[in-house]
């Protein structure tokens, strides 16, 4: 409708007629299921989760895009159902990507513990989840804990 308003202002067109066109286009997109907030929310939540985003970050991102609360809740529930402990799995992906915790060189791992916890906290993960990731003894132990179905 912002484009309609600009067109009305610049070209002196009829606002009512343009609004009807927009409504018709939106109705066609909805009918063909090309405009579906629930499907978008689910796909985006899965994508962000695989990239290592926390539940908070996923919810914030979807809310910023204008997705409704019910669609966000349904998408987060689907991610949780698929992974069991989705927060730990996302923290695992995040730590692997950022080389935190057991992914650090063993020589500097102890001196960087607090920084790793802070990085996970800034990414939206709770203290317990961050501590479980950072304090894992090895990559194999973390993978087994995070990726083993509950």
Protein backbone atom coordinates (compact mmCIF):
# COMPACT_ATOMS: atom_id res chain seq x y z
CA UNK A 1 0.00 0.00 0.00
CA UNK A 2 3.02 2.31 0.38
CA UNK A 3 3.65 1.93 -3.32
CA UNK A 4 0.00 2.67 -4.03
CA UNK A 5 0.23 5.83 -1.93
CA UNK A 6 3.35 6.91 -3.82
CA UNK A 7 1.69 6.21 -7.17
CA UNK A 8 -1.39 8.21 -6.14
CA UNK A 9 0.84 11.09 -5.11
CA UNK A 10 3.08 11.07 -8.20
CA UNK A 11 0.69 10.03 -10.97
CA UNK A 12 -2.63 11.17 -9.59
CA UNK A 13 -4.21 7.69 -9.85
CA UNK A 14 -7.27 6.40 -8.01
CA UNK A 15 -6.39 5.02 -4.55
CA UNK A 16 -9.55 2.89 -4.29
CA UNK A 17 -8.97 1.15 -7.61
CA UNK A 18 -5.34 0.40 -6.76
CA UNK A 19 -6.34 -0.93 -3.34
CA UNK A 20 -8.76 -3.33 -5.04
CA UNK A 21 -5.94 -4.55 -7.31
CA UNK A 22 -3.72 -5.18 -4.29
CA UNK A 23 -6.50 -7.09 -2.51
CA UNK A 24 -7.08 -9.19 -5.64
CA UNK A 25 -3.39 -10.04 -5.95
CA UNK A 26 -3.13 -10.98 -2.28
CA UNK A 27 -6.23 -13.17 -2.53
CA UNK A 28 -4.73 -15.02 -5.54
CA UNK A 29 -1.44 -15.56 -3.69
CA UNK A 30 -3.27 -16.90 -0.64
CA UNK A 31 -5.41 -19.17 -2.80
CA UNK A 32 -2.34 -20.65 -4.47
CA UNK A 33 -0.57 -20.96 -1.07
CA UNK A 34 2.29 -18.75 -2.22
CA UNK A 35 1.75 -16.41 0.70
CA UNK A 36 1.82 -18.58 3.84
CA UNK A 37 3.26 -17.25 7.11
CA UNK A 38 3.19 -20.66 8.81
CA UNK A 39 5.23 -22.32 6.06
CA UNK A 40 7.66 -19.39 5.98
CA UNK A 41 8.05 -19.50 9.78
CA UNK A 42 8.75 -23.23 9.77
CA UNK A 43 11.30 -23.05 6.95
CA UNK A 44 13.05 -20.02 8.44
CA UNK A 45 13.10 -21.53 11.95
CA UNK A 46 14.68 -24.75 10.63
CA UNK A 47 17.24 -22.79 8.65
CA UNK A 48 18.21 -20.57 11.57
CA UNK A 49 18.33 -23.57 13.92
CA UNK A 50 20.76 -25.41 11.64
CA UNK A 51 22.90 -22.26 11.59
CA UNK A 52 23.08 -22.35 15.40
CA UNK A 53 20.45 -19.79 16.38
CA UNK A 54 18.80 -20.02 19.80
CA UNK A 55 15.04 -20.10 20.32
CA UNK A 56 15.18 -16.45 21.35
CA UNK A 57 17.02 -15.43 18.22
CA UNK A 58 14.68 -17.42 15.97
CA UNK A 59 11.59 -15.93 17.64
CA UNK A 60 13.01 -12.41 17.41
CA UNK A 61 13.92 -12.81 13.76
CA UNK A 62 10.47 -14.09 12.82
CA UNK A 63 8.73 -11.42 14.89
CA UNK A 64 10.80 -8.75 13.17
CA UNK A 65 9.63 -10.10 9.80
CA UNK A 66 6.02 -9.66 10.91
CA UNK A 67 5.12 -13.30 11.52
CA UNK A 68 2.32 -13.81 14.07
CA UNK A 69 2.94 -15.21 17.53
CA UNK A 70 0.94 -18.38 16.87
CA UNK A 71 2.96 -19.16 13.72
CA UNK A 72 6.20 -18.53 15.62
CA UNK A 73 5.13 -20.82 18.46
CA UNK A 74 4.13 -23.56 16.00
CA UNK A 75 7.47 -23.31 14.16
CA UNK A 76 9.46 -23.47 17.41
CA UNK A 77 7.38 -26.44 18.59
CA UNK A 78 8.10 -28.24 15.31
CA UNK A 79 11.84 -27.63 15.69
CA UNK A 80 11.70 -28.87 19.29
CA UNK A 81 9.77 -31.98 18.25
CA UNK A 82 12.30 -32.77 15.54
CA UNK A 83 15.43 -32.43 17.68
CA UNK A 84 14.42 -33.26 21.25
CA UNK A 85 16.67 -30.73 23.02
CA UNK A 86 16.77 -28.14 20.27
CA UNK A 87 18.64 -25.55 22.35
CA UNK A 88 21.56 -27.89 22.97
CA UNK A 89 21.64 -28.92 19.30
CA UNK A 90 21.63 -25.28 18.18
CA UNK A 91 24.36 -24.42 20.71
CA UNK A 92 26.39 -27.34 19.36
CA UNK A 93 26.06 -26.00 15.80
CA UNK A 94 26.94 -22.49 16.98
CA UNK A 95 30.00 -23.68 18.92
CA UNK A 96 31.20 -25.72 15.96
CA UNK A 97 30.82 -22.77 13.59
CA UNK A 98 32.53 -20.32 15.97
CA UNK A 99 35.09 -22.85 17.26
CA UNK A 100 34.07 -22.51 20.91
CA UNK A 101 34.53 -24.92 23.80
CA UNK A 102 35.83 -28.32 22.68
CA UNK A 103 36.46 -26.95 19.19
CA UNK A 104 39.20 -24.64 20.50
CA UNK A 105 42.82 -25.65 20.65
CA UNK A 106 43.45 -27.39 23.97
CA UNK A 107 46.27 -24.97 24.87
CA UNK A 108 43.97 -21.94 25.04
CA UNK A 109 40.69 -23.59 25.93
CA UNK A 110 40.80 -22.97 29.70
CA UNK A 111 41.85 -19.34 29.33
CA UNK A 112 39.00 -18.68 26.85
CA UNK A 113 36.24 -20.40 28.85
CA UNK A 114 34.59 -17.18 30.06
CA UNK A 115 34.73 -15.66 26.59
CA UNK A 116 33.09 -18.74 25.12
CA UNK A 117 30.32 -18.62 27.73
CA UNK A 118 29.80 -14.92 26.97
CA UNK A 119 29.64 -15.58 23.22
CA UNK A 120 26.97 -18.24 23.73
CA UNK A 121 25.04 -15.93 26.08
CA UNK A 122 25.10 -13.12 23.50
CA UNK A 123 23.76 -15.60 20.96
CA UNK A 124 20.73 -16.13 23.22
CA UNK A 125 21.59 -19.40 24.95
CA UNK A 126 20.98 -19.92 28.66
CA UNK A 127 23.80 -20.45 31.13
CA UNK A 128 23.13 -24.18 31.60
CA UNK A 129 23.20 -24.86 27.87
CA UNK A 130 26.31 -22.73 27.36
CA UNK A 131 28.07 -24.44 30.25
CA UNK A 132 27.23 -27.91 28.89
CA UNK A 133 28.74 -26.97 25.52
CA UNK A 134 31.86 -25.20 26.80
CA UNK A 135 32.63 -27.77 29.50
CA UNK A 136 32.26 -30.82 27.24
CA UNK A 137 35.49 -32.82 27.45
CA UNK A 138 35.67 -33.56 23.74
CA UNK A 139 33.94 -32.95 20.46
CA UNK A 140 32.73 -36.56 20.42
CA UNK A 141 31.17 -36.20 23.87
CA UNK A 142 29.38 -33.01 22.84
CA UNK A 143 28.14 -34.55 19.59
CA UNK A 144 26.85 -37.61 21.40
CA UNK A 145 25.05 -35.50 24.04
CA UNK A 146 23.58 -33.03 21.53
CA UNK A 147 22.73 -35.25 18.59
CA UNK A 148 21.55 -38.42 20.32
CA UNK A 149 17.72 -38.53 20.29
CA UNK A 150 16.12 -38.35 23.69
